[in-house]
Protein backbone atom coordinates (compact mmCIF):
# COMPACT_ATOMS: atom_id res chain seq x y z
CA MET A 1 -61.99 -14.51 -57.10
CA LYS A 2 -62.34 -11.82 -54.43
CA LYS A 3 -63.33 -14.46 -51.88
CA ARG A 4 -60.18 -16.43 -52.60
CA SER A 5 -58.04 -13.33 -52.22
CA VAL A 6 -59.64 -12.50 -48.89
CA VAL A 7 -59.23 -16.08 -47.65
CA LEU A 8 -55.64 -16.13 -48.86
CA LEU A 9 -54.91 -12.85 -47.06
CA MET A 10 -56.53 -14.16 -43.88
CA CYS A 11 -54.40 -17.29 -44.07
CA LEU A 12 -51.27 -15.19 -44.50
CA PHE A 13 -52.17 -13.02 -41.53
CA SER A 14 -52.89 -16.03 -39.34
CA ILE A 15 -49.63 -17.73 -40.37
CA SER A 16 -47.56 -14.66 -39.62
CA GLY A 17 -49.28 -14.24 -36.25
CA ILE A 18 -51.11 -11.06 -37.18
CA SER A 19 -54.82 -11.00 -36.54
CA ALA A 20 -56.98 -8.98 -38.89
CA ASN A 21 -59.09 -7.92 -35.91
CA ALA A 22 -56.17 -7.15 -33.62
CA ALA A 23 -56.08 -3.65 -32.26
CA PRO A 24 -52.91 -1.68 -32.87
CA THR A 25 -50.47 -1.95 -30.03
CA ASP A 26 -50.40 0.98 -27.66
CA ASN A 27 -46.91 2.39 -27.42
CA SER A 28 -47.97 5.43 -25.39
CA SER A 29 -46.22 4.11 -22.29
CA ASP A 30 -43.04 3.66 -24.32
CA ASN A 31 -43.45 7.16 -25.72
CA ALA A 32 -44.01 8.54 -22.21
CA LYS A 33 -40.87 6.79 -20.97
CA GLN A 34 -38.91 8.15 -23.92
CA SER A 35 -40.14 11.73 -23.43
CA VAL A 36 -39.33 11.59 -19.73
CA SER A 37 -35.87 10.17 -20.38
CA GLU A 38 -35.21 12.83 -23.02
CA ASN A 39 -35.42 15.40 -20.21
CA VAL A 40 -32.91 13.62 -17.99
CA TRP A 41 -29.39 14.97 -17.58
CA TYR A 42 -26.55 14.00 -15.22
CA SER A 43 -24.14 16.44 -13.61
CA GLN A 44 -20.38 16.16 -13.91
CA PRO A 45 -17.83 18.10 -11.83
CA LYS A 46 -15.79 19.66 -14.67
CA ALA A 47 -16.40 21.33 -18.01
CA LYS A 48 -14.05 21.22 -20.99
CA ILE A 49 -14.25 24.62 -22.62
CA ARG A 50 -12.70 25.19 -26.04
CA VAL A 51 -11.50 28.71 -26.91
CA LEU A 52 -10.67 29.55 -30.52
CA ASN A 53 -8.33 32.53 -30.88
CA LYS A 54 -9.34 33.86 -34.31
CA LEU A 55 -6.30 36.14 -34.60
CA GLU A 56 -3.72 33.42 -33.92
CA SER A 57 -5.77 30.56 -35.41
CA SER A 58 -5.19 28.48 -32.31
CA VAL A 59 -7.49 26.41 -30.10
CA THR A 60 -7.01 26.04 -26.35
CA THR A 61 -9.02 23.61 -24.22
CA LEU A 62 -9.58 24.62 -20.60
CA THR A 63 -10.84 22.18 -17.96
CA ILE A 64 -12.79 24.23 -15.43
CA PRO A 65 -14.35 22.75 -12.29
CA VAL A 66 -18.03 23.50 -11.72
CA GLY A 67 -18.17 26.58 -9.53
CA GLY A 68 -14.71 27.58 -10.69
CA THR A 69 -13.22 30.20 -12.96
CA ALA A 70 -10.41 30.21 -15.53
CA GLU A 71 -8.75 32.99 -17.45
CA TYR A 72 -7.69 33.00 -21.07
CA LYS A 73 -5.98 36.20 -22.20
CA THR A 74 -8.64 38.90 -21.56
CA LEU A 75 -11.50 36.45 -20.94
CA THR A 76 -12.71 35.25 -17.56
CA ILE A 77 -14.81 32.09 -17.90
CA SER A 78 -16.89 30.73 -15.00
CA VAL A 79 -18.78 27.43 -15.04
CA SER A 80 -21.90 27.03 -12.88
CA LYS A 81 -23.08 23.62 -14.11
CA CYS A 82 -22.02 20.90 -16.56
CA VAL A 83 -24.48 18.18 -17.56
CA VAL A 84 -24.52 15.18 -19.93
CA ARG A 85 -27.25 13.00 -21.44
CA PRO A 86 -27.69 9.36 -20.40
CA GLU A 87 -25.86 6.79 -22.54
CA ASN A 88 -29.12 5.40 -24.01
CA LEU A 89 -29.94 8.76 -25.68
CA SER A 90 -28.19 10.74 -28.37
CA PRO A 91 -24.98 12.15 -26.90
CA ASP A 92 -24.93 15.74 -25.74
CA SER A 93 -23.32 17.87 -23.07
CA ALA A 94 -24.12 21.36 -21.88
CA ALA A 95 -22.47 23.85 -19.58
CA PHE A 96 -23.85 27.00 -18.03
CA VAL A 97 -21.09 29.56 -18.40
CA THR A 98 -20.47 33.20 -17.58
CA ILE A 99 -17.91 34.94 -19.78
CA LYS A 100 -16.49 38.43 -19.22
CA ASP A 101 -13.87 40.32 -21.21
CA SER A 102 -11.73 42.77 -19.25
CA LYS A 103 -10.92 44.82 -22.38
CA LEU A 104 -14.41 45.20 -23.86
CA PRO A 105 -17.25 47.10 -22.19
CA MET A 106 -19.92 44.45 -22.63
CA ASN A 107 -22.42 42.72 -20.42
CA PRO A 108 -21.31 39.31 -19.20
CA PHE A 109 -22.43 36.36 -21.31
CA ASN A 110 -24.64 34.07 -19.16
CA ALA A 111 -26.03 31.05 -21.00
CA TRP A 112 -26.07 27.31 -21.62
CA ILE A 113 -23.76 26.17 -24.39
CA PHE A 114 -24.54 22.77 -25.96
CA VAL A 115 -22.10 20.44 -27.70
CA ALA A 116 -24.69 19.08 -30.15
CA GLU A 117 -26.25 22.47 -30.92
CA PRO A 118 -23.62 25.21 -30.48
CA GLY A 119 -25.73 27.70 -32.43
CA VAL A 120 -28.44 27.81 -29.75
CA SER A 121 -26.42 30.30 -27.72
CA VAL A 122 -23.33 31.92 -29.15
CA PHE A 123 -20.75 34.07 -27.37
CA GLU A 124 -20.21 36.86 -29.87
CA HIS A 125 -16.71 38.30 -29.67
CA PRO A 126 -14.38 39.83 -32.29
CA LEU A 127 -11.33 37.75 -31.26
CA TYR A 128 -12.58 34.60 -29.53
CA ASN A 129 -15.06 31.83 -30.11
CA VAL A 130 -15.98 29.87 -26.98
CA SER A 131 -17.63 26.45 -27.15
CA ILE A 132 -17.99 23.40 -24.95
CA ALA A 133 -16.09 20.22 -25.77
CA GLY A 134 -17.87 18.19 -23.09
CA CYS A 135 -17.94 17.46 -19.39
CA ALA A 136 -15.40 15.49 -17.37
CA GLY A 137 -15.16 13.65 -14.10
CA GLU A 138 -17.39 11.16 -12.34
CA ILE A 139 -21.04 11.29 -13.38
CA ASP A 140 -23.42 12.12 -10.53
CA SER A 141 -25.73 9.17 -9.80
CA LYS A 142 -28.72 11.42 -9.13
CA PRO A 143 -30.35 12.55 -12.40
CA LEU A 144 -31.44 16.09 -13.08
CA VAL A 145 -34.91 15.92 -14.64
CA VAL A 146 -35.78 19.03 -16.58
CA LYS A 147 -39.54 19.52 -16.37
CA PRO A 148 -41.35 21.96 -18.63
CA SER A 149 -42.49 24.86 -16.49
CA SER A 150 -46.10 25.96 -16.48
CA THR A 151 -45.17 29.59 -15.91
CA SER A 152 -42.98 31.73 -18.06
CA THR A 153 -39.90 33.21 -16.42
CA THR A 154 -37.94 36.11 -17.75
CA GLY A 155 -34.87 38.04 -16.75
CA GLN A 156 -31.26 37.13 -16.24
CA THR A 157 -30.37 33.91 -14.54
CA GLY A 158 -28.56 34.33 -11.27
CA GLN A 159 -25.26 32.51 -11.01
CA ASN A 160 -25.90 31.35 -7.45
CA ALA A 161 -29.46 30.08 -7.95
CA PRO A 162 -29.50 26.39 -8.95
CA ASN A 163 -33.25 26.40 -9.65
CA ASP A 164 -32.82 29.34 -12.03
CA ILE A 165 -30.03 27.47 -13.81
CA GLU A 166 -32.19 24.36 -14.16
CA GLN A 167 -35.10 26.45 -15.45
CA SER A 168 -32.80 28.12 -17.96
CA LEU A 169 -31.68 24.65 -19.14
CA GLU A 170 -35.32 23.77 -19.76
CA ARG A 171 -35.83 27.01 -21.75
CA SER A 172 -32.66 26.36 -23.77
CA ILE A 173 -33.78 22.81 -24.58
CA GLN A 174 -37.21 24.09 -25.66
CA SER A 175 -35.61 26.68 -27.95
CA GLN A 176 -33.84 23.85 -29.83
CA HIS A 177 -37.15 22.35 -30.97
């Protein structure tokens, strides 16, 4: 009876095109491609920043060019970079912003804000909530590949240092996982 079962199973495997002795397929190259592509972002020239005024219960969307600054009431918001994921991956956008309030004695907020994970870095303010709605404009054809760094970097990211901004994006992405 066992022999018949084994023969029957072998026949089923051979009919379906599966060999009992076949080695499992190696998808490591596919996994490598996927992990590399997960670290790819594309720059866009504008950021759409959403400001929630908690006191007035109103939302204002500001479109700020990369390298530019906009003001909303007492806030000054500067955008250093705005990036998006490729279309073949789960959608996400991120912007590196600097936010200052002229009325509150606080250090400027310097961080990446993500659309898909707004809780990764939060601008804490008693009256305003600032988030990113996305990026706008023509997508840059040259990808930005965020590579995990072998050395740890600390300290504040300089607004005028693109490598520091890219390294901070890598650290922000790592903190999500």
